[in-house]
Amino acid sequence: MSISVIEQAKIQAQILVPLVKALQAELGTARANALVRKALGDLYRGFGEEFWKAKNPGNHEADLGEAVSSAFRTYARDDALAYDVIEQSHDAFAFDVTRCAYAEFYKALGAPELGFLLVCTADFATAEGFGPDIKLTRTQTIMQGAPHCDFRYRRDAGEG
């Protein structure tokens, strides 16, 4: 059986947290964080592109709601997330995360700001990989102290 995403994140944090802290000390927080965001953004954008191609093998438009729901179940595996679906359709998937083991883990490490940098910012880069007509809006995260994360994926039919 493959290792869950939450377990991967915990393993990666053993290396990434000290590395990012060292980069911040050497380069300053803003410059180090921008570098990390770019490097990880490129990686996660590629993951998004690969995932979207697998879900959209022909010339037809993939069902956004089903595709993102499927991806999200992967991130929620091993009780990593509790969430409520607000809307699921061909052109939208909206949900609120009400409990996040990723945030719990980084808060226990005393580094929720690094959790946001290393975990939460990946969501937007991954969504970019889905294509120019797919938009993610999120105004708050548990990692940053909010009571829930508000994910809103939507296909913009006006672009493409």
C-alpha atoms as a PDB file:
ATOM      1  CA  MET A   1       0.000   0.000   0.000  1.00  0.00           C
ATOM      2  CA  SER A   2       1.241   3.459  -0.848  1.00  0.00           C
ATOM      3  CA  ILE A   3       2.104   5.941   1.872  1.00  0.00           C
ATOM      4  CA  SER A   4      -0.592   8.561   2.527  1.00  0.00           C
ATOM      5  CA  VAL A   5      -0.051  12.221   1.701  1.00  0.00           C
ATOM      6  CA  ILE A   6      -0.152  13.209   5.396  1.00  0.00           C
ATOM      7  CA  GLU A   7       2.621  10.717   6.172  1.00  0.00           C
ATOM      8  CA  GLN A   8       4.621  11.993   3.183  1.00  0.00           C
ATOM      9  CA  ALA A   9       4.223  15.551   4.496  1.00  0.00           C
ATOM     10  CA  LYS A  10       5.487  14.523   7.934  1.00  0.00           C
ATOM     11  CA  ILE A  11       8.526  12.792   6.437  1.00  0.00           C
ATOM     12  CA  GLN A  12       9.268  15.726   4.111  1.00  0.00           C
ATOM     13  CA  ALA A  13       9.015  18.172   7.024  1.00  0.00           C
ATOM     14  CA  GLN A  14      11.997  16.499   8.717  1.00  0.00           C
ATOM     15  CA  ILE A  15      14.166  17.792   5.865  1.00  0.00           C
ATOM     16  CA  LEU A  16      12.269  20.836   4.621  1.00  0.00           C
ATOM     17  CA  VAL A  17      11.688  22.635   7.922  1.00  0.00           C
ATOM     18  CA  PRO A  18      15.388  22.873   8.885  1.00  0.00           C
ATOM     19  CA  LEU A  19      16.292  23.668   5.272  1.00  0.00           C
ATOM     20  CA  VAL A  20      13.769  26.510   5.008  1.00  0.00           C
ATOM     21  CA  LYS A  21      14.813  27.877   8.412  1.00  0.00           C
ATOM     22  CA  ALA A  22      18.454  27.888   7.267  1.00  0.00           C
ATOM     23  CA  LEU A  23      17.503  29.637   4.017  1.00  0.00           C
ATOM     24  CA  GLN A  24      15.501  32.220   5.980  1.00  0.00           C
ATOM     25  CA  ALA A  25      18.462  32.881   8.284  1.00  0.00           C
ATOM     26  CA  GLU A  26      20.831  33.274   5.335  1.00  0.00           C
ATOM     27  CA  LEU A  27      18.633  35.096   2.800  1.00  0.00           C
ATOM     28  CA  GLY A  28      15.943  36.707   4.950  1.00  0.00           C
ATOM     29  CA  THR A  29      12.435  35.365   5.363  1.00  0.00           C
ATOM     30  CA  ALA A  30      10.824  37.102   2.384  1.00  0.00           C
ATOM     31  CA  ARG A  31      13.508  36.103  -0.125  1.00  0.00           C
ATOM     32  CA  ALA A  32      13.776  32.526   1.187  1.00  0.00           C
ATOM     33  CA  ASN A  33       9.996  32.056   1.167  1.00  0.00           C
ATOM     34  CA  ALA A  34       9.745  33.396  -2.391  1.00  0.00           C
ATOM     35  CA  LEU A  35      12.426  30.933  -3.499  1.00  0.00           C
ATOM     36  CA  VAL A  36      10.660  28.015  -1.792  1.00  0.00           C
ATOM     37  CA  ARG A  37       7.279  29.069  -3.258  1.00  0.00           C
ATOM     38  CA  LYS A  38       8.745  29.188  -6.765  1.00  0.00           C
ATOM     39  CA  ALA A  39      10.518  25.836  -6.501  1.00  0.00           C
ATOM     40  CA  LEU A  40       7.554  24.052  -4.971  1.00  0.00           C
ATOM     41  CA  GLY A  41       5.109  25.900  -7.220  1.00  0.00           C
ATOM     42  CA  ASP A  42       6.801  24.562 -10.330  1.00  0.00           C
ATOM     43  CA  LEU A  43       6.755  21.042  -8.860  1.00  0.00           C
ATOM     44  CA  TYR A  44       3.087  21.132  -7.805  1.00  0.00           C
ATOM     45  CA  ARG A  45       1.973  22.794 -11.043  1.00  0.00           C
ATOM     46  CA  GLY A  46       3.499  19.810 -12.846  1.00  0.00           C
ATOM     47  CA  PHE A  47       1.644  17.418 -10.538  1.00  0.00           C
ATOM     48  CA  GLY A  48      -1.587  19.271 -11.341  1.00  0.00           C
ATOM     49  CA  GLU A  49      -0.928  19.016 -15.084  1.00  0.00           C
ATOM     50  CA  GLU A  50      -0.251  15.265 -14.862  1.00  0.00           C
ATOM     51  CA  PHE A  51      -3.344  14.672 -12.730  1.00  0.00           C
ATOM     52  CA  TRP A  52      -5.572  16.712 -15.044  1.00  0.00           C
ATOM     53  CA  LYS A  53      -4.321  14.913 -18.164  1.00  0.00           C
ATOM     54  CA  ALA A  54      -5.068  11.566 -16.496  1.00  0.00           C
ATOM     55  CA  LYS A  55      -8.612  12.739 -15.661  1.00  0.00           C
ATOM     56  CA  ASN A  56      -9.164  14.301 -19.097  1.00  0.00           C
ATOM     57  CA  PRO A  57      -7.768  11.752 -21.590  1.00  0.00           C
ATOM     58  CA  GLY A  58      -9.864  12.698 -24.627  1.00  0.00           C
ATOM     59  CA  ASN A  59     -11.068  15.909 -26.154  1.00  0.00           C
ATOM     60  CA  HIS A  60     -14.022  16.186 -23.786  1.00  0.00           C
ATOM     61  CA  GLU A  61     -13.980  18.533 -20.818  1.00  0.00           C
ATOM     62  CA  ALA A  62     -13.285  16.758 -17.531  1.00  0.00           C
ATOM     63  CA  ASP A  63     -15.911  16.896 -14.791  1.00  0.00           C
ATOM     64  CA  LEU A  64     -14.280  19.420 -12.446  1.00  0.00           C
ATOM     65  CA  GLY A  65     -16.349  18.378  -9.437  1.00  0.00           C
ATOM     66  CA  GLU A  66     -15.516  14.702  -9.795  1.00  0.00           C
ATOM     67  CA  ALA A  67     -11.842  15.307 -10.626  1.00  0.00           C
ATOM     68  CA  VAL A  68     -11.141  17.613  -7.673  1.00  0.00           C
ATOM     69  CA  SER A  69     -13.249  15.463  -5.336  1.00  0.00           C
ATOM     70  CA  SER A  70     -11.137  12.459  -6.329  1.00  0.00           C
ATOM     71  CA  ALA A  71      -7.880  14.353  -5.773  1.00  0.00           C
ATOM     72  CA  PHE A  72      -9.054  15.684  -2.449  1.00  0.00           C
ATOM     73  CA  ARG A  73      -9.911  12.206  -1.165  1.00  0.00           C
ATOM     74  CA  THR A  74      -6.229  11.367  -1.680  1.00  0.00           C
ATOM     75  CA  TYR A  75      -5.154  14.290   0.556  1.00  0.00           C
ATOM     76  CA  ALA A  76      -7.784  13.351   3.149  1.00  0.00           C
ATOM     77  CA  ARG A  77      -6.679   9.708   3.418  1.00  0.00           C
ATOM     78  CA  ASP A  78      -5.768   8.356   6.869  1.00  0.00           C
ATOM     79  CA  ASP A  79      -8.154  10.807   8.532  1.00  0.00           C
ATOM     80  CA  ALA A  80      -5.935  13.731   7.511  1.00  0.00           C
ATOM     81  CA  LEU A  81      -8.869  16.049   6.781  1.00  0.00           C
ATOM     82  CA  ALA A  82     -12.512  16.453   7.683  1.00  0.00           C
ATOM     83  CA  TYR A  83     -14.518  18.484   5.196  1.00  0.00           C
ATOM     84  CA  ASP A  84     -18.016  19.445   4.116  1.00  0.00           C
ATOM     85  CA  VAL A  85     -18.878  19.612   0.412  1.00  0.00           C
ATOM     86  CA  ILE A  86     -20.769  22.817  -0.386  1.00  0.00           C
ATOM     87  CA  GLU A  87     -21.177  22.306  -4.142  1.00  0.00           C
ATOM     88  CA  GLN A  88     -20.137  19.643  -6.622  1.00  0.00           C
ATOM     89  CA  SER A  89     -20.935  19.916 -10.329  1.00  0.00           C
ATOM     90  CA  HIS A  90     -19.341  19.591 -13.753  1.00  0.00           C
ATOM     91  CA  ASP A  91     -17.911  23.114 -13.443  1.00  0.00           C
ATOM     92  CA  ALA A  92     -17.392  23.531  -9.691  1.00  0.00           C
ATOM     93  CA  PHE A  93     -16.223  21.915  -6.494  1.00  0.00           C
ATOM     94  CA  ALA A  94     -16.563  23.898  -3.289  1.00  0.00           C
ATOM     95  CA  PHE A  95     -15.842  22.605   0.186  1.00  0.00           C
ATOM     96  CA  ASP A  96     -14.823  23.671   3.667  1.00  0.00           C
ATOM     97  CA  VAL A  97     -12.092  21.827   5.541  1.00  0.00           C
ATOM     98  CA  THR A  98     -13.170  21.671   9.181  1.00  0.00           C
ATOM     99  CA  ARG A  99     -10.225  19.708  10.615  1.00  0.00           C
ATOM    100  CA  CYS A 100      -6.695  19.499   9.210  1.00  0.00           C
ATOM    101  CA  ALA A 101      -4.047  17.081  10.458  1.00  0.00           C
ATOM    102  CA  TYR A 102      -1.479  18.952   8.344  1.00  0.00           C
ATOM    103  CA  ALA A 103      -2.142  22.105  10.403  1.00  0.00           C
ATOM    104  CA  GLU A 104      -2.180  20.111  13.647  1.00  0.00           C
ATOM    105  CA  PHE A 105       1.212  18.624  12.757  1.00  0.00           C
ATOM    106  CA  TYR A 106       2.862  21.948  11.868  1.00  0.00           C
ATOM    107  CA  LYS A 107       1.347  23.677  14.907  1.00  0.00           C
ATOM    108  CA  ALA A 108       2.777  20.890  17.105  1.00  0.00           C
ATOM    109  CA  LEU A 109       6.176  21.561  15.485  1.00  0.00           C
ATOM    110  CA  GLY A 110       5.746  25.222  16.383  1.00  0.00           C
ATOM    111  CA  ALA A 111       5.962  26.188  12.717  1.00  0.00           C
ATOM    112  CA  PRO A 112       2.464  26.818  11.310  1.00  0.00           C
ATOM    113  CA  GLU A 113       3.864  29.539   9.040  1.00  0.00           C
ATOM    114  CA  LEU A 114       6.121  26.917   7.446  1.00  0.00           C
ATOM    115  CA  GLY A 115       3.149  24.571   7.154  1.00  0.00           C
ATOM    116  CA  PHE A 116       1.340  27.268   5.204  1.00  0.00           C
ATOM    117  CA  LEU A 117       4.398  27.789   2.985  1.00  0.00           C
ATOM    118  CA  LEU A 118       5.110  24.088   2.413  1.00  0.00           C
ATOM    119  CA  VAL A 119       1.573  22.649   2.303  1.00  0.00           C
ATOM    120  CA  CYS A 120      -1.138  25.259   1.765  1.00  0.00           C
ATOM    121  CA  THR A 121       0.492  27.269  -1.022  1.00  0.00           C
ATOM    122  CA  ALA A 122       0.777  24.072  -3.082  1.00  0.00           C
ATOM    123  CA  ASP A 123      -3.001  24.119  -3.567  1.00  0.00           C
ATOM    124  CA  PHE A 124      -2.884  27.145  -5.889  1.00  0.00           C
ATOM    125  CA  ALA A 125       0.048  25.853  -7.960  1.00  0.00           C
ATOM    126  CA  THR A 126      -1.662  22.469  -8.357  1.00  0.00           C
ATOM    127  CA  ALA A 127      -4.873  24.210  -9.485  1.00  0.00           C
ATOM    128  CA  GLU A 128      -2.863  26.198 -12.058  1.00  0.00           C
ATOM    129  CA  GLY A 129      -1.771  22.859 -13.496  1.00  0.00           C
ATOM    130  CA  PHE A 130      -5.414  21.970 -14.162  1.00  0.00           C
ATOM    131  CA  GLY A 131      -5.483  24.608 -16.898  1.00  0.00           C
ATOM    132  CA  PRO A 132      -6.137  28.311 -17.426  1.00  0.00           C
ATOM    133  CA  ASP A 133      -9.916  27.918 -17.171  1.00  0.00           C
ATOM    134  CA  ILE A 134      -9.829  26.410 -13.651  1.00  0.00           C
ATOM    135  CA  LYS A 135      -9.658  28.884 -10.772  1.00  0.00           C
ATOM    136  CA  LEU A 136      -9.169  28.253  -7.065  1.00  0.00           C
ATOM    137  CA  THR A 137     -10.308  30.807  -4.528  1.00  0.00           C
ATOM    138  CA  ARG A 138      -9.500  30.393  -0.854  1.00  0.00           C
ATOM    139  CA  THR A 139      -9.746  33.226   1.652  1.00  0.00           C
ATOM    140  CA  GLN A 140      -8.680  31.489   4.863  1.00  0.00           C
ATOM    141  CA  THR A 141      -6.930  28.414   6.240  1.00  0.00           C
ATOM    142  CA  ILE A 142      -6.857  26.513   9.497  1.00  0.00           C
ATOM    143  CA  MET A 143      -3.056  26.643   9.229  1.00  0.00           C
ATOM    144  CA  GLN A 144      -3.275  30.439   9.589  1.00  0.00           C
ATOM    145  CA  GLY A 145      -5.682  30.245  12.532  1.00  0.00           C
ATOM    146  CA  ALA A 146      -9.089  30.341  10.815  1.00  0.00           C
ATOM    147  CA  PRO A 147     -11.844  27.951  11.965  1.00  0.00           C
ATOM    148  CA  HIS A 148     -11.941  26.318   8.502  1.00  0.00           C
ATOM    149  CA  CYS A 149     -10.389  26.447   5.034  1.00  0.00           C
ATOM    150  CA  ASP A 150     -12.756  27.581   2.260  1.00  0.00           C
ATOM    151  CA  PHE A 151     -11.795  25.958  -1.046  1.00  0.00           C
ATOM    152  CA  ARG A 152     -13.730  27.068  -4.144  1.00  0.00           C
ATOM    153  CA  TYR A 153     -12.722  25.529  -7.487  1.00  0.00           C
ATOM    154  CA  ARG A 154     -14.593  26.822 -10.512  1.00  0.00           C
ATOM    155  CA  ARG A 155     -14.309  26.535 -14.276  1.00  0.00           C
ATOM    156  CA  ASP A 156     -14.362  29.929 -15.962  1.00  0.00           C
ATOM    157  CA  ALA A 157     -16.168  29.312 -19.244  1.00  0.00           C
ATOM    158  CA  GLY A 158     -15.166  32.761 -20.481  1.00  0.00           C
ATOM    159  CA  GLU A 159     -11.494  31.733 -20.805  1.00  0.00           C
ATOM    160  CA  GLY A 160      -9.829  28.887 -22.462  1.00  0.00           C
END
